[in-house]
Amino acid sequence: MSTSKDRAWEALGIGPRWALRERPAPESQSARLPPDFERADVSQASPGSEASGASPGPEVSGISTGSAASPVSLVERMDWPALREAVAGCRLCGLCESRRNTVFGVGDEAASWMVVGEAPGADEDRLGEPFVGRAGQLLDAMLAAVGRSRRQGVFIANVLKCRPPDNRNPSPEEIERCSPYLRRQVELVAPELILVVGKIAAQALLDTEASIASLRGQVHRYRAGGAEIPVVVTYHPAYLLRTPLDKGKAWADLRLAARISASARR
């Protein structure tokens, strides 16, 4: 086993040792790819749906239903500070009544990668940051395995910015109301690749009801800001904690993402 692959497998916990280095060195782009990674199909799947113009709730940080412009069109023109303020004051769906904090996102605002998950959980709602706790630690290890981190080169966000009570699945209406925020984040970051973790996030971003098994191993496209951004789908870290045998599949997904990202810079 090569040194670089050994480091990556250690970070994911799928190799012979479980110890994670403090700061794994970025893996060489020229490292030989696993056979299943080499065979991965690069397809032109259906792009993500456009942001809906559904009737909004009472207000979004001063945006009311009586505004001349719709909340969606106003979000489309926001810079980072305005978007953060809009999310913090959002009352477009009922989740605002039960949340402790909105979870805007974290990371490099000019990142080459975006990681998109489903919705905040209890820890995220308490701290106001996505992917904390054990699932967040595993996500950090996954990113470290391909030489990235949540503080540099990656921006992490969720489809929903507020926690659904009891960690239930987001409703279609909640996803629809929150989608302009995520779309604007993608436009502002302008990443070269989006890594989507989990079935619900993948279905929401790609506007599909397909299973995660059928979405993996391909490159999909998400249209935002006049660009078609490659999208790679993998398992949610929380699922991998419950089903560690699938960590090998997640490793193949990460290598696919790394290859597509490297191609985008050529």
C-alpha atoms as a PDB file:
ATOM      1  CA  MET A   1       0.000   0.000   0.000  1.00  0.00           C
ATOM      2  CA  SER A   2       1.331   3.452  -0.903  1.00  0.00           C
ATOM      3  CA  THR A   3       2.055   6.001   1.784  1.00  0.00           C
ATOM      4  CA  SER A   4      -0.556   8.434   0.450  1.00  0.00           C
ATOM      5  CA  LYS A   5      -3.281   5.779   0.271  1.00  0.00           C
ATOM      6  CA  ASP A   6      -2.327   4.572   3.747  1.00  0.00           C
ATOM      7  CA  ARG A   7      -2.799   8.108   5.104  1.00  0.00           C
ATOM      8  CA  ALA A   8      -6.201   8.429   3.465  1.00  0.00           C
ATOM      9  CA  TRP A   9      -7.431   5.043   4.675  1.00  0.00           C
ATOM     10  CA  GLU A  10      -6.282   5.866   8.175  1.00  0.00           C
ATOM     11  CA  ALA A  11      -8.240   9.136   8.066  1.00  0.00           C
ATOM     12  CA  LEU A  12     -11.414   7.349   6.978  1.00  0.00           C
ATOM     13  CA  GLY A  13     -10.972   4.518   9.452  1.00  0.00           C
ATOM     14  CA  ILE A  14     -11.083   1.850   6.737  1.00  0.00           C
ATOM     15  CA  GLY A  15      -7.453   0.772   6.853  1.00  0.00           C
ATOM     16  CA  PRO A  16      -5.621  -1.461   9.284  1.00  0.00           C
ATOM     17  CA  ARG A  17      -5.065   1.399  11.763  1.00  0.00           C
ATOM     18  CA  TRP A  18      -7.612   3.886  13.172  1.00  0.00           C
ATOM     19  CA  ALA A  19      -5.244   6.629  14.390  1.00  0.00           C
ATOM     20  CA  LEU A  20      -5.698   9.939  12.525  1.00  0.00           C
ATOM     21  CA  ARG A  21      -2.725  12.198  12.007  1.00  0.00           C
ATOM     22  CA  GLU A  22      -3.088  15.727  13.335  1.00  0.00           C
ATOM     23  CA  ARG A  23      -2.580  17.367   9.914  1.00  0.00           C
ATOM     24  CA  PRO A  24      -2.556  14.841   7.074  1.00  0.00           C
ATOM     25  CA  ALA A  25      -0.535  16.105   4.112  1.00  0.00           C
ATOM     26  CA  PRO A  26      -2.507  16.631   0.867  1.00  0.00           C
ATOM     27  CA  GLU A  27      -2.470  13.501  -1.257  1.00  0.00           C
ATOM     28  CA  SER A  28      -0.567  13.710  -4.498  1.00  0.00           C
ATOM     29  CA  GLN A  29      -2.798  14.337  -7.496  1.00  0.00           C
ATOM     30  CA  SER A  30      -0.678  11.854  -9.432  1.00  0.00           C
ATOM     31  CA  ALA A  31      -1.329   8.955  -7.041  1.00  0.00           C
ATOM     32  CA  ARG A  32      -2.745   5.898  -8.776  1.00  0.00           C
ATOM     33  CA  LEU A  33      -6.539   5.772  -8.510  1.00  0.00           C
ATOM     34  CA  PRO A  34      -8.460   2.707  -7.299  1.00  0.00           C
ATOM     35  CA  PRO A  35      -9.883   0.546 -10.140  1.00  0.00           C
ATOM     36  CA  ASP A  36     -13.519   1.410  -9.356  1.00  0.00           C
ATOM     37  CA  PHE A  37     -12.567   5.085  -9.368  1.00  0.00           C
ATOM     38  CA  GLU A  38     -10.974   4.772 -12.796  1.00  0.00           C
ATOM     39  CA  ARG A  39     -14.151   3.178 -14.120  1.00  0.00           C
ATOM     40  CA  ALA A  40     -16.502   5.810 -12.676  1.00  0.00           C
ATOM     41  CA  ASP A  41     -19.065   7.000 -15.206  1.00  0.00           C
ATOM     42  CA  VAL A  42     -19.067  10.744 -15.935  1.00  0.00           C
ATOM     43  CA  SER A  43     -22.593  11.558 -17.086  1.00  0.00           C
ATOM     44  CA  GLN A  44     -24.704  14.589 -17.799  1.00  0.00           C
ATOM     45  CA  ALA A  45     -27.526  14.114 -15.328  1.00  0.00           C
ATOM     46  CA  SER A  46     -30.416  16.485 -14.970  1.00  0.00           C
ATOM     47  CA  PRO A  47     -29.371  19.794 -13.383  1.00  0.00           C
ATOM     48  CA  GLY A  48     -30.774  21.039 -10.113  1.00  0.00           C
ATOM     49  CA  SER A  49     -34.123  22.732 -10.273  1.00  0.00           C
ATOM     50  CA  GLU A  50     -34.352  26.477 -10.425  1.00  0.00           C
ATOM     51  CA  ALA A  51     -35.246  28.334  -7.232  1.00  0.00           C
ATOM     52  CA  SER A  52     -38.977  28.360  -6.772  1.00  0.00           C
ATOM     53  CA  GLY A  53     -40.989  31.528  -6.687  1.00  0.00           C
ATOM     54  CA  ALA A  54     -43.486  30.102  -4.202  1.00  0.00           C
ATOM     55  CA  SER A  55     -45.299  32.547  -2.004  1.00  0.00           C
ATOM     56  CA  PRO A  56     -43.085  33.402   0.989  1.00  0.00           C
ATOM     57  CA  GLY A  57     -43.948  33.648   4.652  1.00  0.00           C
ATOM     58  CA  PRO A  58     -44.037  36.821   6.730  1.00  0.00           C
ATOM     59  CA  GLU A  59     -40.507  38.181   6.227  1.00  0.00           C
ATOM     60  CA  VAL A  60     -36.847  37.517   5.568  1.00  0.00           C
ATOM     61  CA  SER A  61     -34.736  40.053   7.428  1.00  0.00           C
ATOM     62  CA  GLY A  62     -37.031  42.908   6.465  1.00  0.00           C
ATOM     63  CA  ILE A  63     -38.320  41.334   3.233  1.00  0.00           C
ATOM     64  CA  SER A  64     -42.089  41.248   3.575  1.00  0.00           C
ATOM     65  CA  THR A  65     -44.837  39.791   1.434  1.00  0.00           C
ATOM     66  CA  GLY A  66     -45.717  43.329   0.381  1.00  0.00           C
ATOM     67  CA  SER A  67     -42.278  44.035  -1.143  1.00  0.00           C
ATOM     68  CA  ALA A  68     -42.232  45.108  -4.793  1.00  0.00           C
ATOM     69  CA  ALA A  69     -39.600  42.452  -5.509  1.00  0.00           C
ATOM     70  CA  SER A  70     -40.064  38.837  -4.407  1.00  0.00           C
ATOM     71  CA  PRO A  71     -37.867  37.459  -1.589  1.00  0.00           C
ATOM     72  CA  VAL A  72     -36.282  35.110  -4.147  1.00  0.00           C
ATOM     73  CA  SER A  73     -35.243  37.947  -6.464  1.00  0.00           C
ATOM     74  CA  LEU A  74     -33.894  39.927  -3.506  1.00  0.00           C
ATOM     75  CA  VAL A  75     -31.796  36.960  -2.336  1.00  0.00           C
ATOM     76  CA  GLU A  76     -30.356  36.627  -5.840  1.00  0.00           C
ATOM     77  CA  ARG A  77     -28.724  40.065  -5.456  1.00  0.00           C
ATOM     78  CA  MET A  78     -27.348  39.663  -1.920  1.00  0.00           C
ATOM     79  CA  ASP A  79     -23.666  39.708  -0.999  1.00  0.00           C
ATOM     80  CA  TRP A  80     -22.300  37.628   1.879  1.00  0.00           C
ATOM     81  CA  PRO A  81     -23.196  40.015   4.750  1.00  0.00           C
ATOM     82  CA  ALA A  82     -26.728  40.585   3.441  1.00  0.00           C
ATOM     83  CA  LEU A  83     -27.265  36.871   2.897  1.00  0.00           C
ATOM     84  CA  ARG A  84     -26.080  36.046   6.418  1.00  0.00           C
ATOM     85  CA  GLU A  85     -28.451  38.637   7.832  1.00  0.00           C
ATOM     86  CA  ALA A  86     -31.348  37.313   5.750  1.00  0.00           C
ATOM     87  CA  VAL A  87     -30.790  33.746   6.946  1.00  0.00           C
ATOM     88  CA  ALA A  88     -30.459  34.840  10.576  1.00  0.00           C
ATOM     89  CA  GLY A  89     -33.803  36.653  10.424  1.00  0.00           C
ATOM     90  CA  CYS A  90     -35.652  34.222   8.147  1.00  0.00           C
ATOM     91  CA  ARG A  91     -39.253  33.378   9.002  1.00  0.00           C
ATOM     92  CA  LEU A  92     -40.337  31.833   5.722  1.00  0.00           C
ATOM     93  CA  CYS A  93     -41.383  28.503   7.280  1.00  0.00           C
ATOM     94  CA  GLY A  94     -42.403  27.122  10.657  1.00  0.00           C
ATOM     95  CA  LEU A  95     -38.910  25.964  11.590  1.00  0.00           C
ATOM     96  CA  CYS A  96     -38.158  29.478  12.812  1.00  0.00           C
ATOM     97  CA  GLU A  97     -40.452  28.790  15.795  1.00  0.00           C
ATOM     98  CA  SER A  98     -38.421  25.873  17.159  1.00  0.00           C
ATOM     99  CA  ARG A  99     -34.834  26.699  16.200  1.00  0.00           C
ATOM    100  CA  ARG A 100     -32.211  27.937  18.652  1.00  0.00           C
ATOM    101  CA  ASN A 101     -29.846  29.181  15.954  1.00  0.00           C
ATOM    102  CA  THR A 102     -29.839  29.320  12.202  1.00  0.00           C
ATOM    103  CA  VAL A 103     -26.952  27.402  10.642  1.00  0.00           C
ATOM    104  CA  PHE A 104     -25.686  29.487   7.756  1.00  0.00           C
ATOM    105  CA  GLY A 105     -22.570  27.529   6.817  1.00  0.00           C
ATOM    106  CA  VAL A 106     -18.863  27.635   7.493  1.00  0.00           C
ATOM    107  CA  GLY A 107     -15.607  27.694   5.604  1.00  0.00           C
ATOM    108  CA  ASP A 108     -13.771  29.389   2.782  1.00  0.00           C
ATOM    109  CA  GLU A 109     -16.054  31.800   0.904  1.00  0.00           C
ATOM    110  CA  ALA A 110     -13.891  31.391  -2.206  1.00  0.00           C
ATOM    111  CA  ALA A 111     -13.594  27.626  -1.864  1.00  0.00           C
ATOM    112  CA  SER A 112     -12.962  25.232  -4.721  1.00  0.00           C
ATOM    113  CA  TRP A 113     -15.256  22.658  -3.072  1.00  0.00           C
ATOM    114  CA  MET A 114     -18.672  22.980  -1.482  1.00  0.00           C
ATOM    115  CA  VAL A 115     -20.028  20.254   0.774  1.00  0.00           C
ATOM    116  CA  VAL A 116     -23.824  20.207   1.010  1.00  0.00           C
ATOM    117  CA  GLY A 117     -25.711  18.254   3.658  1.00  0.00           C
ATOM    118  CA  GLU A 118     -29.343  17.921   4.614  1.00  0.00           C
ATOM    119  CA  ALA A 119     -30.212  19.966   7.712  1.00  0.00           C
ATOM    120  CA  PRO A 120     -28.825  20.886  11.128  1.00  0.00           C
ATOM    121  CA  GLY A 121     -29.119  18.434  13.999  1.00  0.00           C
ATOM    122  CA  ALA A 122     -29.299  19.144  17.711  1.00  0.00           C
ATOM    123  CA  ASP A 123     -25.592  19.980  18.092  1.00  0.00           C
ATOM    124  CA  GLU A 124     -25.623  22.178  14.991  1.00  0.00           C
ATOM    125  CA  ASP A 125     -28.736  23.996  16.203  1.00  0.00           C
ATOM    126  CA  ARG A 126     -27.051  24.634  19.551  1.00  0.00           C
ATOM    127  CA  LEU A 127     -23.719  25.840  18.117  1.00  0.00           C
ATOM    128  CA  GLY A 128     -24.872  27.435  14.863  1.00  0.00           C
ATOM    129  CA  GLU A 129     -22.313  25.536  12.757  1.00  0.00           C
ATOM    130  CA  PRO A 130     -22.867  22.626  10.354  1.00  0.00           C
ATOM    131  CA  PHE A 131     -21.472  19.135  10.872  1.00  0.00           C
ATOM    132  CA  VAL A 132     -20.280  19.127  14.456  1.00  0.00           C
ATOM    133  CA  GLY A 133     -20.159  16.148  16.787  1.00  0.00           C
ATOM    134  CA  ARG A 134     -19.145  12.663  15.626  1.00  0.00           C
ATOM    135  CA  ALA A 135     -20.529  13.068  12.111  1.00  0.00           C
ATOM    136  CA  GLY A 136     -18.610  16.321  11.756  1.00  0.00           C
ATOM    137  CA  GLN A 137     -15.400  14.682  12.959  1.00  0.00           C
ATOM    138  CA  LEU A 138     -15.790  11.966  10.338  1.00  0.00           C
ATOM    139  CA  LEU A 139     -16.500  14.546   7.630  1.00  0.00           C
ATOM    140  CA  ASP A 140     -13.326  16.375   8.644  1.00  0.00           C
ATOM    141  CA  ALA A 141     -11.402  13.101   8.349  1.00  0.00           C
ATOM    142  CA  MET A 142     -12.909  12.439   4.920  1.00  0.00           C
ATOM    143  CA  LEU A 143     -11.848  15.886   3.718  1.00  0.00           C
ATOM    144  CA  ALA A 144      -8.391  15.451   5.239  1.00  0.00           C
ATOM    145  CA  ALA A 145      -8.028  12.214   3.276  1.00  0.00           C
ATOM    146  CA  VAL A 146      -8.040  14.264   0.055  1.00  0.00           C
ATOM    147  CA  GLY A 147      -5.973  17.124   1.458  1.00  0.00           C
ATOM    148  CA  ARG A 148      -8.783  19.535   2.356  1.00  0.00           C
ATOM    149  CA  SER A 149     -10.379  21.033   5.453  1.00  0.00           C
ATOM    150  CA  ARG A 150     -13.477  22.949   6.427  1.00  0.00           C
ATOM    151  CA  ARG A 151     -11.391  26.064   7.073  1.00  0.00           C
ATOM    152  CA  GLN A 152      -9.436  26.135   3.834  1.00  0.00           C
ATOM    153  CA  GLY A 153     -10.608  25.298   0.341  1.00  0.00           C
ATOM    154  CA  VAL A 154     -14.036  24.033   1.418  1.00  0.00           C
ATOM    155  CA  PHE A 155     -17.345  25.710   2.250  1.00  0.00           C
ATOM    156  CA  ILE A 156     -19.905  23.571   4.109  1.00  0.00           C
ATOM    157  CA  ALA A 157     -23.632  24.283   4.035  1.00  0.00           C
ATOM    158  CA  ASN A 158     -26.961  22.510   4.366  1.00  0.00           C
ATOM    159  CA  VAL A 159     -30.102  22.423   2.254  1.00  0.00           C
ATOM    160  CA  LEU A 160     -31.993  23.728   5.303  1.00  0.00           C
ATOM    161  CA  LYS A 161     -30.655  26.436   7.578  1.00  0.00           C
ATOM    162  CA  CYS A 162     -32.836  25.473  10.567  1.00  0.00           C
ATOM    163  CA  ARG A 163     -33.201  22.180  12.430  1.00  0.00           C
ATOM    164  CA  PRO A 164     -36.396  20.175  11.839  1.00  0.00           C
ATOM    165  CA  PRO A 165     -37.830  19.123  15.235  1.00  0.00           C
ATOM    166  CA  ASP A 166     -36.674  15.689  16.413  1.00  0.00           C
ATOM    167  CA  ASN A 167     -34.358  15.527  13.382  1.00  0.00           C
ATOM    168  CA  ARG A 168     -37.232  14.524  11.120  1.00  0.00           C
ATOM    169  CA  ASN A 169     -36.802  14.684   7.356  1.00  0.00           C
ATOM    170  CA  PRO A 170     -37.311  18.138   5.822  1.00  0.00           C
ATOM    171  CA  SER A 171     -40.670  18.693   4.164  1.00  0.00           C
ATOM    172  CA  PRO A 172     -40.863  19.636   0.460  1.00  0.00           C
ATOM    173  CA  GLU A 173     -42.168  23.074   1.444  1.00  0.00           C
ATOM    174  CA  GLU A 174     -39.255  23.680   3.827  1.00  0.00           C
ATOM    175  CA  ILE A 175     -36.755  22.689   1.140  1.00  0.00           C
ATOM    176  CA  GLU A 176     -38.484  24.956  -1.378  1.00  0.00           C
ATOM    177  CA  ARG A 177     -38.518  27.970   0.943  1.00  0.00           C
ATOM    178  CA  CYS A 178     -34.859  27.556   1.873  1.00  0.00           C
ATOM    179  CA  SER A 179     -33.509  26.742  -1.592  1.00  0.00           C
ATOM    180  CA  PRO A 180     -32.800  30.365  -2.666  1.00  0.00           C
ATOM    181  CA  TYR A 181     -30.308  30.717   0.210  1.00  0.00           C
ATOM    182  CA  LEU A 182     -28.315  27.657  -0.815  1.00  0.00           C
ATOM    183  CA  ARG A 183     -28.427  28.633  -4.480  1.00  0.00           C
ATOM    184  CA  ARG A 184     -27.057  32.081  -3.636  1.00  0.00           C
ATOM    185  CA  GLN A 185     -24.303  30.525  -1.512  1.00  0.00           C
ATOM    186  CA  VAL A 186     -23.296  28.370  -4.476  1.00  0.00           C
ATOM    187  CA  GLU A 187     -23.291  31.438  -6.743  1.00  0.00           C
ATOM    188  CA  LEU A 188     -21.132  33.432  -4.320  1.00  0.00           C
ATOM    189  CA  VAL A 189     -18.635  30.626  -3.679  1.00  0.00           C
ATOM    190  CA  ALA A 190     -18.569  29.585  -7.360  1.00  0.00           C
ATOM    191  CA  PRO A 191     -16.933  26.235  -6.507  1.00  0.00           C
ATOM    192  CA  GLU A 192     -15.353  23.965  -9.064  1.00  0.00           C
ATOM    193  CA  LEU A 193     -17.143  20.994  -7.458  1.00  0.00           C
ATOM    194  CA  ILE A 194     -20.029  20.236  -5.081  1.00  0.00           C
ATOM    195  CA  LEU A 195     -19.843  17.157  -2.854  1.00  0.00           C
ATOM    196  CA  VAL A 196     -23.351  16.226  -1.679  1.00  0.00           C
ATOM    197  CA  VAL A 197     -23.618  13.979   1.380  1.00  0.00           C
ATOM    198  CA  GLY A 198     -26.773  11.991   2.011  1.00  0.00           C
ATOM    199  CA  LYS A 199     -29.870  10.979   0.056  1.00  0.00           C
ATOM    200  CA  ILE A 200     -32.142  13.870   0.994  1.00  0.00           C
ATOM    201  CA  ALA A 201     -29.556  16.531   0.174  1.00  0.00           C
ATOM    202  CA  ALA A 202     -28.805  14.836  -3.154  1.00  0.00           C
ATOM    203  CA  GLN A 203     -32.481  14.551  -4.061  1.00  0.00           C
ATOM    204  CA  ALA A 204     -33.102  18.199  -3.156  1.00  0.00           C
ATOM    205  CA  LEU A 205     -30.088  19.592  -5.000  1.00  0.00           C
ATOM    206  CA  LEU A 206     -30.567  17.473  -8.121  1.00  0.00           C
ATOM    207  CA  ASP A 207     -34.388  17.580  -8.137  1.00  0.00           C
ATOM    208  CA  THR A 208     -34.739  13.823  -8.274  1.00  0.00           C
ATOM    209  CA  GLU A 209     -36.248  10.942  -6.334  1.00  0.00           C
ATOM    210  CA  ALA A 210     -33.466   8.535  -7.269  1.00  0.00           C
ATOM    211  CA  SER A 211     -31.747   6.454  -4.607  1.00  0.00           C
ATOM    212  CA  ILE A 212     -28.293   7.349  -3.396  1.00  0.00           C
ATOM    213  CA  ALA A 213     -27.023   4.025  -4.736  1.00  0.00           C
ATOM    214  CA  SER A 214     -28.055   5.046  -8.251  1.00  0.00           C
ATOM    215  CA  LEU A 215     -26.667   8.591  -7.877  1.00  0.00           C
ATOM    216  CA  ARG A 216     -23.205   7.544  -6.717  1.00  0.00           C
ATOM    217  CA  GLY A 217     -20.376   6.907  -9.160  1.00  0.00           C
ATOM    218  CA  GLN A 218     -21.516   9.589 -11.604  1.00  0.00           C
ATOM    219  CA  VAL A 219     -20.923  13.276 -12.125  1.00  0.00           C
ATOM    220  CA  HIS A 220     -24.122  15.299 -12.095  1.00  0.00           C
ATOM    221  CA  ARG A 221     -24.521  18.998 -12.867  1.00  0.00           C
ATOM    222  CA  TYR A 222     -25.993  21.880 -10.879  1.00  0.00           C
ATOM    223  CA  ARG A 223     -26.710  25.163 -12.657  1.00  0.00           C
ATOM    224  CA  ALA A 224     -26.027  28.323 -10.680  1.00  0.00           C
ATOM    225  CA  GLY A 225     -24.644  31.735 -11.542  1.00  0.00           C
ATOM    226  CA  GLY A 226     -24.596  30.938 -15.232  1.00  0.00           C
ATOM    227  CA  ALA A 227     -22.343  27.911 -14.703  1.00  0.00           C
ATOM    228  CA  GLU A 228     -22.820  24.143 -14.651  1.00  0.00           C
ATOM    229  CA  ILE A 229     -21.027  22.870 -11.560  1.00  0.00           C
ATOM    230  CA  PRO A 230     -20.037  19.187 -11.275  1.00  0.00           C
ATOM    231  CA  VAL A 231     -21.759  17.366  -8.418  1.00  0.00           C
ATOM    232  CA  VAL A 232     -20.566  14.138  -6.775  1.00  0.00           C
ATOM    233  CA  VAL A 233     -22.886  12.279  -4.386  1.00  0.00           C
ATOM    234  CA  THR A 234     -21.750  10.203  -1.417  1.00  0.00           C
ATOM    235  CA  TYR A 235     -23.066   8.845   1.864  1.00  0.00           C
ATOM    236  CA  HIS A 236     -23.765  11.055   4.862  1.00  0.00           C
ATOM    237  CA  PRO A 237     -21.132  10.761   7.614  1.00  0.00           C
ATOM    238  CA  ALA A 238     -23.850   9.837  10.131  1.00  0.00           C
ATOM    239  CA  TYR A 239     -24.808   6.888   7.915  1.00  0.00           C
ATOM    240  CA  LEU A 240     -21.167   5.829   7.665  1.00  0.00           C
ATOM    241  CA  LEU A 241     -20.916   5.809  11.454  1.00  0.00           C
ATOM    242  CA  ARG A 242     -23.818   3.359  11.523  1.00  0.00           C
ATOM    243  CA  THR A 243     -22.630   1.370   8.484  1.00  0.00           C
ATOM    244  CA  PRO A 244     -18.818   1.418   8.514  1.00  0.00           C
ATOM    245  CA  LEU A 245     -18.564  -1.231   5.784  1.00  0.00           C
ATOM    246  CA  ASP A 246     -19.659   1.444   3.282  1.00  0.00           C
ATOM    247  CA  LYS A 247     -16.682   3.666   4.082  1.00  0.00           C
ATOM    248  CA  GLY A 248     -14.860   2.033   1.198  1.00  0.00           C
ATOM    249  CA  LYS A 249     -17.564   3.254  -1.182  1.00  0.00           C
ATOM    250  CA  ALA A 250     -17.274   6.744   0.294  1.00  0.00           C
ATOM    251  CA  TRP A 251     -13.529   6.617  -0.368  1.00  0.00           C
ATOM    252  CA  ALA A 252     -14.233   5.852  -4.037  1.00  0.00           C
ATOM    253  CA  ASP A 253     -16.606   8.838  -4.138  1.00  0.00           C
ATOM    254  CA  LEU A 254     -13.953  11.121  -2.675  1.00  0.00           C
ATOM    255  CA  ARG A 255     -11.419   9.999  -5.244  1.00  0.00           C
ATOM    256  CA  LEU A 256     -13.953  10.659  -8.006  1.00  0.00           C
ATOM    257  CA  ALA A 257     -14.480  14.164  -6.619  1.00  0.00           C
ATOM    258  CA  ALA A 258     -10.706  14.710  -6.442  1.00  0.00           C
ATOM    259  CA  ARG A 259     -10.263  13.639 -10.050  1.00  0.00           C
ATOM    260  CA  ILE A 260     -13.055  15.906 -11.349  1.00  0.00           C
ATOM    261  CA  SER A 261     -11.709  18.823  -9.298  1.00  0.00           C
ATOM    262  CA  ALA A 262      -8.210  18.304 -10.672  1.00  0.00           C
ATOM    263  CA  SER A 263      -9.587  18.189 -14.225  1.00  0.00           C
ATOM    264  CA  ALA A 264     -11.398  21.488 -13.689  1.00  0.00           C
ATOM    265  CA  ARG A 265      -8.088  23.246 -12.973  1.00  0.00           C
ATOM    266  CA  ARG A 266      -6.355  22.066 -16.168  1.00  0.00           C
END
